[in-house]
Amino acid sequence: MALKILDSCINCDMCDPECPNGAITLGAEIYEIDANKCTECVGHYDKPTCVSVCPIDCVKPDLEHIEDEEALLAKFIRLHG
């Protein structure tokens, strides 16, 4: 499943440069994750880098975009060929 950034985000700018898919951007108030680009780093890393670098633990699974590892890998292939 894709990830999302909670409203408790402090805009520390740690997650954005770490995303290998370019899925994280600064929204109107906080950073946001584009579910169409988020693969939870499948195809790149063993675990999501945004989760690893977030100092306040505000990156969580997006229950509105549930995908299994196979779907995430297919998305990675679509994004990166």
N, C-alpha and C. Protein backbone atom coordinates (compact mmCIF):
# COMPACT_ATOMS: atom_id res chain seq x y z
N MET A 1 0.84 -1.18 0.00
CA MET A 1 0.00 0.00 0.00
C MET A 1 0.87 1.23 0.00
N ALA A 2 0.35 2.29 -0.46
CA ALA A 2 1.09 3.55 -0.44
C ALA A 2 1.18 4.06 1.00
N LEU A 3 2.02 5.03 1.18
CA LEU A 3 2.17 5.64 2.49
C LEU A 3 1.56 7.03 2.46
N LYS A 4 1.31 7.59 3.65
CA LYS A 4 0.82 8.96 3.74
C LYS A 4 1.53 9.65 4.89
N ILE A 5 1.55 10.96 4.82
CA ILE A 5 2.16 11.76 5.86
C ILE A 5 1.05 12.38 6.68
N LEU A 6 1.11 12.19 7.97
CA LEU A 6 0.07 12.68 8.87
C LEU A 6 0.18 14.19 9.08
N ASP A 7 -0.90 14.77 9.57
CA ASP A 7 -0.95 16.21 9.83
C ASP A 7 0.07 16.67 10.86
N SER A 8 0.64 15.75 11.60
CA SER A 8 1.64 16.11 12.61
C SER A 8 3.01 16.42 11.99
N CYS A 9 3.12 16.33 10.67
CA CYS A 9 4.37 16.63 9.95
C CYS A 9 4.86 18.03 10.33
N ILE A 10 6.17 18.14 10.56
CA ILE A 10 6.78 19.43 10.94
C ILE A 10 7.55 20.07 9.79
N ASN A 11 7.39 19.51 8.58
CA ASN A 11 8.06 20.04 7.38
C ASN A 11 9.58 20.13 7.55
N CYS A 12 10.16 19.10 8.09
CA CYS A 12 11.60 19.10 8.34
C CYS A 12 12.42 18.89 7.07
N ASP A 13 11.79 18.46 5.98
CA ASP A 13 12.44 18.26 4.69
C ASP A 13 13.37 17.05 4.67
N MET A 14 13.16 16.10 5.55
CA MET A 14 14.00 14.90 5.55
C MET A 14 13.52 13.88 4.51
N CYS A 15 12.22 13.77 4.32
CA CYS A 15 11.66 12.71 3.48
C CYS A 15 11.76 12.99 1.99
N ASP A 16 11.49 14.22 1.59
CA ASP A 16 11.42 14.57 0.17
C ASP A 16 12.65 14.14 -0.62
N PRO A 17 13.86 14.52 -0.21
CA PRO A 17 15.03 14.14 -1.02
C PRO A 17 15.34 12.65 -0.97
N GLU A 18 14.79 11.93 -0.03
CA GLU A 18 15.06 10.50 0.10
C GLU A 18 14.18 9.62 -0.78
N CYS A 19 13.09 10.16 -1.30
CA CYS A 19 12.14 9.35 -2.07
C CYS A 19 12.69 9.06 -3.47
N PRO A 20 12.96 7.79 -3.79
CA PRO A 20 13.52 7.45 -5.10
C PRO A 20 12.51 7.56 -6.24
N ASN A 21 11.23 7.68 -5.92
CA ASN A 21 10.20 7.77 -6.94
C ASN A 21 9.69 9.18 -7.17
N GLY A 22 10.17 10.15 -6.41
CA GLY A 22 9.68 11.51 -6.54
C GLY A 22 8.23 11.65 -6.12
N ALA A 23 7.80 10.80 -5.18
CA ALA A 23 6.40 10.78 -4.75
C ALA A 23 6.07 11.80 -3.68
N ILE A 24 7.09 12.40 -3.07
CA ILE A 24 6.86 13.32 -1.95
C ILE A 24 7.09 14.76 -2.41
N THR A 25 6.10 15.59 -2.14
CA THR A 25 6.20 17.01 -2.47
C THR A 25 5.62 17.83 -1.33
N LEU A 26 6.00 19.08 -1.28
CA LEU A 26 5.46 19.97 -0.27
C LEU A 26 4.08 20.44 -0.72
N GLY A 27 3.08 20.13 0.08
CA GLY A 27 1.71 20.54 -0.21
C GLY A 27 1.45 21.93 0.33
N ALA A 28 0.19 22.28 0.47
CA ALA A 28 -0.19 23.60 0.96
C ALA A 28 0.31 23.85 2.38
N GLU A 29 0.30 22.81 3.21
CA GLU A 29 0.72 22.98 4.61
C GLU A 29 1.79 22.01 5.05
N ILE A 30 1.75 20.78 4.55
CA ILE A 30 2.72 19.75 4.94
C ILE A 30 3.16 18.98 3.70
N TYR A 31 4.15 18.13 3.88
CA TYR A 31 4.57 17.26 2.79
C TYR A 31 3.47 16.25 2.51
N GLU A 32 3.36 15.85 1.25
CA GLU A 32 2.34 14.89 0.83
C GLU A 32 2.98 13.81 -0.03
N ILE A 33 2.36 12.63 -0.03
CA ILE A 33 2.85 11.52 -0.84
C ILE A 33 1.82 11.21 -1.91
N ASP A 34 2.28 11.18 -3.17
CA ASP A 34 1.43 10.83 -4.30
C ASP A 34 1.31 9.31 -4.33
N ALA A 35 0.14 8.79 -4.04
CA ALA A 35 -0.08 7.34 -3.99
C ALA A 35 0.20 6.67 -5.33
N ASN A 36 0.08 7.40 -6.41
CA ASN A 36 0.35 6.83 -7.74
C ASN A 36 1.84 6.61 -8.00
N LYS A 37 2.68 7.25 -7.19
CA LYS A 37 4.13 7.10 -7.34
C LYS A 37 4.78 6.33 -6.20
N CYS A 38 4.08 6.18 -5.08
CA CYS A 38 4.66 5.52 -3.91
C CYS A 38 4.66 4.01 -4.07
N THR A 39 5.85 3.41 -3.97
CA THR A 39 5.99 1.95 -4.01
C THR A 39 6.49 1.42 -2.68
N GLU A 40 6.49 2.25 -1.66
CA GLU A 40 7.08 1.90 -0.36
C GLU A 40 8.53 1.47 -0.54
N CYS A 41 9.17 2.03 -1.55
CA CYS A 41 10.56 1.77 -1.92
C CYS A 41 10.80 0.36 -2.46
N VAL A 42 9.73 -0.40 -2.74
CA VAL A 42 9.88 -1.70 -3.39
C VAL A 42 10.58 -1.46 -4.73
N GLY A 43 11.61 -2.25 -5.00
CA GLY A 43 12.40 -2.08 -6.21
C GLY A 43 13.65 -1.24 -5.97
N HIS A 44 13.68 -0.54 -4.85
CA HIS A 44 14.83 0.31 -4.51
C HIS A 44 15.51 -0.16 -3.23
N TYR A 45 14.73 -0.26 -2.14
CA TYR A 45 15.28 -0.55 -0.82
C TYR A 45 14.44 -1.58 -0.10
N ASP A 46 14.98 -2.10 0.99
CA ASP A 46 14.26 -3.11 1.78
C ASP A 46 13.09 -2.53 2.56
N LYS A 47 13.18 -1.24 2.91
CA LYS A 47 12.08 -0.60 3.63
C LYS A 47 11.99 0.86 3.18
N PRO A 48 10.84 1.48 3.38
CA PRO A 48 10.65 2.86 2.92
C PRO A 48 11.62 3.84 3.59
N THR A 49 12.34 4.59 2.77
CA THR A 49 13.31 5.53 3.33
C THR A 49 12.64 6.69 4.05
N CYS A 50 11.46 7.10 3.59
CA CYS A 50 10.79 8.22 4.27
C CYS A 50 10.43 7.85 5.70
N VAL A 51 10.06 6.59 5.91
CA VAL A 51 9.75 6.13 7.27
C VAL A 51 11.03 6.14 8.10
N SER A 52 12.12 5.70 7.50
CA SER A 52 13.40 5.61 8.22
C SER A 52 13.94 6.97 8.66
N VAL A 53 13.74 7.99 7.83
CA VAL A 53 14.34 9.30 8.14
C VAL A 53 13.42 10.24 8.89
N CYS A 54 12.14 9.92 9.01
CA CYS A 54 11.20 10.83 9.67
C CYS A 54 11.50 10.90 11.17
N PRO A 55 11.83 12.10 11.67
CA PRO A 55 12.20 12.21 13.08
C PRO A 55 11.01 12.15 14.04
N ILE A 56 9.79 12.29 13.53
CA ILE A 56 8.64 12.28 14.44
C ILE A 56 7.66 11.14 14.14
N ASP A 57 8.04 10.22 13.27
CA ASP A 57 7.25 9.02 12.99
C ASP A 57 5.84 9.38 12.48
N CYS A 58 5.77 10.25 11.48
CA CYS A 58 4.46 10.66 10.97
C CYS A 58 4.15 10.10 9.58
N VAL A 59 4.95 9.14 9.10
CA VAL A 59 4.68 8.50 7.82
C VAL A 59 4.08 7.13 8.12
N LYS A 60 2.85 6.95 7.69
CA LYS A 60 2.09 5.74 8.02
C LYS A 60 1.46 5.13 6.77
N PRO A 61 1.03 3.86 6.83
CA PRO A 61 0.33 3.26 5.69
C PRO A 61 -0.94 4.03 5.36
N ASP A 62 -1.20 4.17 4.08
CA ASP A 62 -2.41 4.83 3.60
C ASP A 62 -3.46 3.76 3.35
N LEU A 63 -4.38 3.61 4.27
CA LEU A 63 -5.38 2.55 4.19
C LEU A 63 -6.36 2.72 3.04
N GLU A 64 -6.33 3.88 2.38
CA GLU A 64 -7.17 4.11 1.21
C GLU A 64 -6.50 3.63 -0.07
N HIS A 65 -5.23 3.23 0.01
CA HIS A 65 -4.48 2.76 -1.15
C HIS A 65 -3.75 1.47 -0.79
N ILE A 66 -4.48 0.42 -0.61
CA ILE A 66 -3.91 -0.87 -0.21
C ILE A 66 -3.41 -1.62 -1.44
N GLU A 67 -2.14 -2.00 -1.42
CA GLU A 67 -1.51 -2.75 -2.51
C GLU A 67 -0.59 -3.80 -1.91
N ASP A 68 -0.52 -4.97 -2.55
CA ASP A 68 0.41 -5.98 -2.08
C ASP A 68 1.77 -5.76 -2.75
N GLU A 69 2.75 -6.55 -2.37
CA GLU A 69 4.11 -6.35 -2.89
C GLU A 69 4.16 -6.51 -4.41
N GLU A 70 3.36 -7.41 -4.95
CA GLU A 70 3.32 -7.61 -6.40
C GLU A 70 2.84 -6.34 -7.11
N ALA A 71 1.81 -5.70 -6.59
CA ALA A 71 1.29 -4.46 -7.17
C ALA A 71 2.31 -3.34 -7.04
N LEU A 72 3.00 -3.28 -5.90
CA LEU A 72 4.02 -2.25 -5.71
C LEU A 72 5.18 -2.44 -6.68
N LEU A 73 5.57 -3.69 -6.91
CA LEU A 73 6.64 -3.97 -7.86
C LEU A 73 6.21 -3.62 -9.29
N ALA A 74 4.97 -3.91 -9.64
CA ALA A 74 4.45 -3.53 -10.96
C ALA A 74 4.46 -2.01 -11.12
N LYS A 75 4.12 -1.30 -10.06
CA LYS A 75 4.16 0.17 -10.12
C LYS A 75 5.59 0.66 -10.30
N PHE A 76 6.55 0.04 -9.58
CA PHE A 76 7.96 0.38 -9.73
C PHE A 76 8.39 0.21 -11.19
N ILE A 77 8.02 -0.92 -11.79
CA ILE A 77 8.39 -1.18 -13.19
C ILE A 77 7.76 -0.15 -14.12
N ARG A 78 6.51 0.20 -13.86
CA ARG A 78 5.83 1.21 -14.68
C ARG A 78 6.53 2.56 -14.56
N LEU A 79 6.98 2.90 -13.37
CA LEU A 79 7.63 4.20 -13.15
C LEU A 79 9.05 4.26 -13.70
N HIS A 80 9.76 3.13 -13.63
CA HIS A 80 11.19 3.15 -13.94
C HIS A 80 11.59 2.29 -15.12
N GLY A 81 10.62 1.60 -15.71
CA GLY A 81 10.90 0.78 -16.90
C GLY A 81 11.74 -0.36 -16.60
